[in-house]
Amino acid sequence: MQNEKGLKKNIFLLGWTSFFEDVSSQMNYSILPLFLANVLGVNKAFIGLIEGIAETTESFLKV
């Protein structure tokens, strides 16, 4: 069994790992529509459709 100081260090490091993972995923979600439109040349209406389906799915899964 670890001492309390080692346990606190592990929890602290896991917290920072979770923070950086969340920040990186949020950056990807915000840049994805720009990448699809400017680099891949996807129609902006199709990007809106993708975003709408994602929001609808999210709202159904919250219930």
Protein backbone atom coordinates (compact mmCIF):
# COMPACT_ATOMS: atom_id res chain seq x y z
CA MET A 1 0.00 0.00 0.00
CA GLN A 2 1.34 3.41 -0.94
CA ASN A 3 1.79 6.17 1.52
CA GLU A 4 -0.56 9.12 1.39
CA LYS A 5 1.96 11.41 -0.32
CA GLY A 6 2.41 9.01 -3.25
CA LEU A 7 -1.33 8.63 -3.57
CA LYS A 8 -1.82 12.38 -3.71
CA LYS A 9 0.89 12.65 -6.38
CA ASN A 10 -0.81 10.03 -8.55
CA ILE A 11 -4.19 11.71 -8.23
CA PHE A 12 -2.61 15.08 -9.05
CA LEU A 13 -0.96 13.65 -12.17
CA LEU A 14 -4.15 11.92 -13.28
CA GLY A 15 -5.99 15.22 -12.91
CA TRP A 16 -3.50 16.99 -15.16
CA THR A 17 -3.67 14.15 -17.68
CA SER A 18 -7.45 14.44 -17.79
CA PHE A 19 -7.20 18.22 -18.17
CA PHE A 20 -4.83 18.04 -21.14
CA GLU A 21 -6.91 15.33 -22.80
CA ASP A 22 -10.03 17.47 -22.48
CA VAL A 23 -8.28 20.56 -23.85
CA SER A 24 -6.92 18.67 -26.85
CA SER A 25 -10.30 17.12 -27.70
CA GLN A 26 -12.01 20.52 -27.47
CA MET A 27 -9.39 22.01 -29.81
CA ASN A 28 -10.04 19.23 -32.32
CA TYR A 29 -13.81 19.72 -32.22
CA SER A 30 -13.51 23.46 -32.80
CA ILE A 31 -11.05 23.16 -35.71
CA LEU A 32 -12.75 20.24 -37.50
CA PRO A 33 -15.32 22.33 -39.47
CA LEU A 34 -12.58 24.67 -40.71
CA PHE A 35 -10.46 21.72 -41.79
CA LEU A 36 -13.37 20.11 -43.61
CA ALA A 37 -14.29 23.32 -45.44
CA ASN A 38 -10.88 24.78 -46.28
CA VAL A 39 -8.65 21.74 -46.74
CA LEU A 40 -11.00 19.02 -47.92
CA GLY A 41 -13.42 21.36 -49.73
CA VAL A 42 -16.57 19.96 -48.13
CA ASN A 43 -19.75 21.95 -48.74
CA LYS A 44 -20.68 24.14 -45.77
CA ALA A 45 -24.27 22.91 -45.84
CA PHE A 46 -23.00 19.36 -45.38
CA ILE A 47 -20.88 20.48 -42.43
CA GLY A 48 -24.01 22.03 -40.92
CA LEU A 49 -25.84 18.75 -41.44
CA ILE A 50 -23.07 16.86 -39.64
CA GLU A 51 -23.17 19.34 -36.74
CA GLY A 52 -26.97 19.09 -36.57
CA ILE A 53 -26.90 15.30 -36.46
CA ALA A 54 -24.26 15.41 -33.73
CA GLU A 55 -26.31 17.85 -31.62
CA THR A 56 -29.49 15.82 -32.13
CA THR A 57 -27.75 12.61 -31.12
CA GLU A 58 -26.30 14.30 -28.05
CA SER A 59 -29.70 15.62 -26.95
CA PHE A 60 -31.34 12.19 -27.38
CA LEU A 61 -28.62 10.50 -25.36
CA LYS A 62 -28.96 12.97 -22.48
CA VAL A 63 -32.49 11.73 -21.77
